[in-house]
Protein backbone atom coordinates (compact mmCIF):
# COMPACT_ATOMS: atom_id res chain seq x y z
CA MET A 1 114.35 59.20 107.69
CA ALA A 2 117.08 56.52 108.94
CA THR A 3 120.53 57.12 108.61
CA LEU A 4 123.19 55.73 106.80
CA THR A 5 126.39 54.61 108.18
CA ALA A 6 129.40 53.51 105.89
CA ARG A 7 132.89 52.52 107.16
CA LEU A 8 135.38 52.17 104.73
CA VAL A 9 137.33 49.03 104.36
CA GLY A 10 140.12 49.80 101.85
CA GLY A 11 139.96 49.24 98.24
CA PRO A 12 136.02 49.04 96.38
CA THR A 13 134.90 47.59 100.15
CA ALA A 14 132.58 49.41 102.61
CA VAL A 15 130.42 48.47 105.69
CA LEU A 16 126.94 49.88 104.87
CA GLU A 17 124.62 50.16 107.93
CA TYR A 18 121.24 50.60 106.19
CA ALA A 19 117.91 49.85 107.14
CA GLY A 20 119.06 47.81 110.48
CA LEU A 21 121.27 45.28 108.15
CA ARG A 22 124.80 45.30 107.29
CA TRP A 23 125.76 45.80 103.67
CA LEU A 24 129.15 45.03 102.66
CA THR A 25 130.44 46.26 98.89
CA ASP A 26 132.76 44.12 96.57
CA PRO A 27 134.67 41.76 99.48
CA SER A 28 138.17 42.74 98.87
CA LEU A 29 140.39 41.65 102.68
CA SER A 30 143.27 39.77 101.90
CA PRO A 31 146.80 40.99 102.79
CA PRO A 32 149.08 42.67 100.28
CA GLY A 33 150.32 40.63 97.91
CA GLU A 34 150.11 40.07 93.86
CA TYR A 35 146.27 38.17 92.87
CA GLU A 36 144.66 37.09 89.63
CA GLY A 37 145.55 38.96 86.69
CA GLY A 38 148.87 40.45 88.04
CA LEU A 39 146.71 42.74 90.24
CA VAL A 40 148.88 44.23 93.19
CA LYS A 41 147.76 45.03 96.36
CA THR A 42 149.46 47.37 98.57
CA THR A 43 147.44 48.12 101.74
CA ALA A 44 145.74 45.79 103.93
CA PRO A 45 142.36 45.93 104.68
CA ALA A 46 141.39 48.23 107.78
CA LEU A 47 138.85 45.55 109.46
CA ASP A 48 139.56 42.15 109.40
CA ALA A 49 136.74 39.55 108.62
CA GLU A 50 135.55 38.72 111.60
CA THR A 51 135.15 42.34 112.48
CA ILE A 52 132.94 43.02 109.77
CA GLU A 53 130.83 40.39 110.12
CA PRO A 54 128.07 39.19 110.55
CA ILE A 55 126.87 40.44 107.23
CA ASP A 56 123.48 40.33 105.75
CA VAL A 57 123.73 41.25 101.95
CA VAL A 58 127.11 41.48 100.28
CA LEU A 59 126.32 43.73 97.18
CA LEU A 60 129.05 42.47 94.50
CA SER A 61 129.39 44.75 91.06
CA HIS A 62 131.63 41.48 89.81
CA ASP A 63 133.53 39.10 90.68
CA GLN A 64 135.83 38.43 87.62
CA HIS A 65 138.33 40.78 88.82
CA SER A 66 140.40 39.86 91.89
CA ASP A 67 140.42 43.62 93.52
CA ASN A 68 136.63 43.25 93.75
CA LEU A 69 136.81 40.15 94.86
CA ASP A 70 140.03 38.52 96.26
CA PRO A 71 140.49 35.34 97.62
CA SER A 72 140.02 36.35 101.38
CA GLY A 73 136.37 38.14 100.12
CA ARG A 74 135.36 34.68 98.32
CA GLU A 75 135.83 33.00 101.69
CA LEU A 76 133.44 35.57 103.01
CA LEU A 77 130.71 34.93 100.56
CA PRO A 78 129.09 31.94 101.99
CA ARG A 79 129.00 33.14 105.44
CA ALA A 80 126.91 36.29 104.22
CA GLY A 81 123.13 36.10 104.42
CA ARG A 82 122.74 36.98 100.75
CA VAL A 83 124.97 37.95 97.45
CA LEU A 84 124.11 39.82 95.22
CA THR A 85 126.02 39.72 92.02
CA THR A 86 125.82 39.73 87.75
CA VAL A 87 124.03 36.61 86.47
CA GLU A 88 126.99 35.39 85.02
CA GLY A 89 128.90 35.58 88.20
CA VAL A 90 126.63 33.96 90.47
CA ARG A 91 126.92 30.84 87.95
CA ARG A 92 130.59 30.68 89.47
CA LEU A 93 129.68 31.27 92.92
CA ALA A 94 128.47 28.22 94.97
CA GLY A 95 125.99 28.75 97.90
CA ASN A 96 123.78 31.90 98.41
CA GLY A 97 124.34 34.13 95.12
CA GLN A 98 121.83 35.47 93.35
CA GLY A 99 122.32 36.92 89.92
CA LEU A 100 120.34 39.88 88.54
CA GLU A 101 119.93 41.86 85.45
CA PRO A 102 120.01 45.33 84.64
CA TRP A 103 116.80 46.72 86.01
CA SER A 104 115.95 43.78 87.92
CA SER A 105 114.69 43.91 91.58
CA VAL A 106 114.97 42.02 94.66
CA GLU A 107 113.45 42.06 98.21
CA VAL A 108 115.63 42.26 101.23
CA GLU A 109 113.98 41.56 104.39
CA ARG A 110 114.89 44.09 107.37
CA PRO A 111 114.07 43.69 111.18
CA GLU A 112 111.89 46.08 111.16
CA GLY A 113 109.60 47.74 108.52
CA PRO A 114 108.79 46.99 104.87
CA PRO A 115 111.59 44.91 103.12
CA VAL A 116 114.35 47.23 101.40
CA THR A 117 113.99 47.07 97.09
CA VAL A 118 117.41 46.32 95.67
CA THR A 119 117.53 47.07 92.09
CA ALA A 120 120.34 46.37 89.70
CA VAL A 121 121.33 49.12 87.68
CA PRO A 122 124.16 49.15 84.43
CA ALA A 123 127.66 49.81 85.30
CA GLN A 124 130.08 50.54 82.36
CA HIS A 125 133.74 49.23 82.72
CA GLY A 126 136.01 50.81 80.41
CA PRO A 127 134.48 52.63 77.17
CA ALA A 128 131.37 51.44 74.96
CA GLY A 129 131.60 48.26 74.49
CA ALA A 130 134.30 47.02 76.76
CA GLU A 131 132.16 44.25 78.78
CA ASP A 132 133.66 41.91 75.85
CA VAL A 133 136.96 42.18 77.60
CA THR A 134 136.14 43.55 80.71
CA GLY A 135 132.87 41.09 81.31
CA PRO A 136 129.46 42.22 82.80
CA VAL A 137 129.12 44.57 85.74
CA ILE A 138 126.65 46.01 87.43
CA GLY A 139 125.62 48.60 90.40
CA PHE A 140 123.29 48.81 92.34
CA LEU A 141 119.98 50.98 94.44
CA LEU A 142 119.15 50.65 97.58
CA SER A 143 115.65 51.89 98.17
CA GLY A 144 112.40 51.48 100.32
CA PRO A 145 109.32 53.17 102.47
CA GLU A 146 111.29 55.95 104.96
CA LEU A 147 114.93 55.15 103.55
CA GLU A 148 117.42 56.94 101.49
CA THR A 149 117.87 56.22 98.00
CA VAL A 150 121.47 55.00 97.98
CA TYR A 151 123.28 54.28 94.63
CA VAL A 152 126.15 51.82 94.59
CA SER A 153 128.02 52.42 90.88
CA GLY A 154 130.08 49.44 90.62
CA ASP A 155 133.22 49.97 88.22
CA ASN A 156 131.50 52.30 86.24
CA ALA A 157 133.58 54.37 83.90
CA SER A 158 130.44 56.28 81.74
CA LEU A 159 128.91 59.49 83.07
CA ASP A 160 125.94 58.48 80.14
CA VAL A 161 124.96 55.56 82.39
CA VAL A 162 125.64 57.89 85.48
CA ARG A 163 122.70 59.96 83.36
CA ALA A 164 120.74 57.09 82.28
CA ILE A 165 120.17 56.10 86.13
CA ALA A 166 119.28 59.89 87.08
CA ALA A 167 116.73 59.91 84.53
CA ARG A 168 115.12 56.47 85.34
CA ALA A 169 115.84 56.02 89.28
CA GLY A 170 114.65 59.65 90.16
CA ALA A 171 115.74 60.95 93.71
CA ILE A 172 118.90 59.86 95.19
CA ASP A 173 120.54 61.09 98.14
CA VAL A 174 124.06 59.17 98.60
CA ALA A 175 126.24 57.95 96.07
CA VAL A 176 129.06 55.18 96.72
CA LEU A 177 131.50 55.99 93.72
CA PHE A 178 133.70 53.45 92.45
CA ALA A 179 136.95 55.69 91.27
CA GLY A 180 140.48 54.99 90.93
CA ALA A 181 140.77 56.12 87.38
CA VAL A 182 141.52 52.60 86.44
CA GLN A 183 143.49 52.76 83.14
CA ALA A 184 145.35 49.65 81.30
CA ALA A 185 147.57 50.70 78.52
CA HIS A 186 147.18 47.83 76.55
CA LEU A 187 143.04 48.39 76.55
CA PHE A 188 141.21 50.60 74.91
CA ASP A 189 143.68 53.24 74.28
CA GLY A 190 144.32 53.74 77.71
CA ALA A 191 140.69 54.98 78.39
CA PHE A 192 139.33 55.00 82.03
CA LEU A 193 138.18 51.62 82.90
CA THR A 194 136.56 53.13 86.15
CA LEU A 195 135.61 56.86 87.14
CA SER A 196 138.28 59.26 87.69
CA SER A 197 138.41 62.05 90.67
CA GLU A 198 137.03 64.45 87.93
CA ARG A 199 134.64 62.26 86.74
CA ALA A 200 133.19 61.02 90.41
CA ALA A 201 132.89 64.63 90.89
CA GLU A 202 130.76 64.98 87.74
CA ALA A 203 128.85 62.18 88.33
CA ALA A 204 127.99 63.34 91.82
CA LYS A 205 126.30 66.68 90.16
CA ILE A 206 124.13 64.34 87.83
CA LEU A 207 122.79 62.62 90.76
CA GLY A 208 121.87 65.35 92.25
CA VAL A 209 122.97 63.72 95.87
CA ARG A 210 123.67 65.34 99.02
CA ALA A 211 126.77 62.86 99.97
CA VAL A 212 128.87 60.80 98.43
CA VAL A 213 131.45 57.95 99.45
CA PRO A 214 134.37 57.17 97.12
CA VAL A 215 135.98 54.15 97.11
CA HIS A 216 138.01 52.02 95.05
CA PHE A 217 140.95 54.63 94.61
CA GLU A 218 143.52 53.59 97.68
CA GLY A 219 145.24 50.63 98.18
CA TRP A 220 145.92 48.46 94.44
CA THR A 221 148.84 49.89 92.24
CA HIS A 222 146.46 50.36 89.28
CA PHE A 223 144.24 52.94 91.36
CA THR A 224 146.28 56.44 90.22
CA PRO A 225 144.42 59.06 91.78
CA GLY A 226 146.08 59.30 95.15
CA ARG A 227 144.55 59.08 98.75
CA ARG A 228 142.71 62.05 99.05
CA ARG A 229 142.07 63.61 95.43
CA PRO A 230 138.56 61.74 94.83
CA ALA A 231 137.17 63.54 98.02
CA ARG A 232 138.89 66.88 97.54
CA ARG A 233 137.21 67.12 94.20
CA LEU A 234 134.08 66.70 95.65
CA ARG A 235 134.56 69.11 97.72
CA ARG A 236 135.72 71.93 95.08
CA GLN A 237 132.78 70.76 93.37
CA ARG A 238 130.26 71.23 96.20
CA ASP A 239 132.16 73.98 97.04
CA GLY A 240 131.31 75.74 93.27
CA ARG A 241 134.28 76.35 92.91
CA PRO A 242 136.88 75.20 89.52
CA PRO A 243 138.95 71.86 89.47
CA ARG A 244 142.53 72.46 89.77
CA ALA A 245 144.89 71.81 86.61
CA SER A 246 145.44 67.64 86.44
CA ARG A 247 148.90 66.39 86.83
CA ALA A 248 150.42 63.83 85.11
CA GLY A 249 150.84 60.24 86.71
CA SER A 250 154.56 61.64 87.82
CA GLY A 251 152.88 63.84 90.13
CA ARG A 252 154.02 67.26 88.21
CA ARG A 253 151.14 69.47 86.70
CA ARG A 254 150.51 68.26 83.30
CA VAL A 255 150.95 71.51 80.32
CA THR A 256 151.19 72.02 76.40
CA GLY A 257 153.38 73.66 74.34
CA THR A 258 156.82 74.57 73.98
CA GLY A 259 159.40 76.30 76.14
CA PRO A 260 160.99 75.51 79.63
CA ALA A 261 157.28 74.79 80.91
CA SER A 262 157.11 72.13 78.04
CA ARG A 263 159.78 69.79 79.93
CA SER A 264 156.34 68.94 82.78
CA ASN A 265 154.58 67.47 79.54
CA LYS A 266 157.39 65.37 78.25
CA HIS A 267 158.04 64.01 81.55
CA SER A 268 155.04 62.70 81.44
CA ASP A 269 155.05 61.00 78.08
CA THR A 270 158.42 59.55 79.66
CA THR A 271 156.16 57.84 82.90
CA ARG A 272 153.04 57.19 80.20
CA ARG A 273 155.54 55.28 78.09
CA ARG A 274 157.07 53.70 81.17
CA ARG A 275 153.89 53.00 82.61
CA ARG A 276 152.50 51.41 79.24
CA ASN A 277 155.45 49.09 79.55
CA ALA A 278 154.92 48.11 83.04
CA ASP A 279 151.12 47.65 83.16
CA GLN A 280 150.90 44.89 80.37
CA ASN A 281 150.02 42.77 83.18
CA THR A 282 146.77 44.35 84.11
CA TYR A 283 143.47 42.82 83.12
CA GLY A 284 144.73 39.60 81.48
CA GLY A 285 148.72 40.43 80.30
CA GLU A 286 151.23 39.49 81.09
CA PRO A 287 153.16 39.94 83.95
CA ARG A 288 156.26 42.31 83.29
CA ARG A 289 156.28 44.45 87.50
CA LEU A 290 157.14 41.52 89.69
CA ARG A 291 160.84 43.97 90.55
CA ARG A 292 159.03 47.47 91.16
CA ASN A 293 155.62 45.39 93.05
CA ALA A 294 158.04 43.58 95.35
CA ARG A 295 159.27 47.15 97.03
CA ARG A 296 155.68 48.31 96.48
CA VAL A 297 154.18 45.33 98.77
CA ALA A 298 156.95 45.22 100.92
CA GLY A 299 155.97 46.45 104.52
CA VAL A 300 152.80 47.89 104.10
CA ALA A 301 150.31 46.05 105.91
CA SER A 302 150.71 48.53 108.62
CA HIS A 303 149.22 51.68 105.79
CA ALA A 304 145.75 50.45 107.52
CA ARG A 305 146.62 52.30 110.43
CA LEU A 306 144.21 54.19 111.16
CA ARG A 307 141.16 53.72 108.51
CA SER A 308 139.32 51.85 109.92
CA ARG A 309 138.05 55.02 112.07
CA ARG A 310 136.79 56.67 109.16
CA VAL A 311 133.27 56.08 110.08
CA LEU A 312 130.56 58.38 107.89
CA ARG A 313 127.18 59.16 109.35
CA LEU A 314 124.83 60.48 106.56
CA SER A 315 122.24 61.86 108.64
CA GLY A 316 118.85 61.97 107.12
CA VAL A 317 117.39 64.80 104.62
CA GLN A 318 115.99 67.32 106.82
């Protein structure tokens, strides 16, 4: 069975070598700065567009949020062989886009062998009913004869959606999971808009995959779990070890009860209040983080350093 190679670019963006074709997930290729909706990018992409190209197919889960499609990513789209995205998104994109409804499929020809079947699958960008606010989002399934089946989640926060995909799609070998535990205090009472690290680990268990590629968990200020937490959670899940106690946004352990230990809980409440006040700009609120954002953006371009070397070679099932 063929080998999948994934190269992490940063944020939700990865280059996938699959079936003799180059695939690109949600292109986020602009330098650090503040973008539409007040979203702040803190890390430069590990690879520039010239290194990434040529791209045969862009898998664009949605176009309406700047962390999934930033200006440089948008400039790349006309140069790709094909762009697959939502039906609503393709109406806003000129050129080579094709809109897919959930559970519709298209075939992509490859250099050798039968074509790859790309099936759009549901994604829920928040709690039930979130689509009216966050907009439509899709994920993707890639499959074909003598090929591994690959699931690309897009910005999905719902484990029920993952269960439905697993039940309908059958065996899935590799999952590219968008994590980040994105929250906006002014939306849905702070409910997750993408998978948290814990939910990503649970999603991997539900899907029964042999390998996971976590993306969408670093490089933007509204991603919360930290650089290595998704991979750490997934390793603990794989090894059958219980998850560690969760931590508050401040990095301190979240505890309950009274006495001296409750000070950590009090600190996390204060952190949440500050974050709620600061995050009003996320997903359409008013910008209130400019001073902090300026500090975070300054001098962070070098943070990309060795990320271009993160190449995951996922060999076939034996």
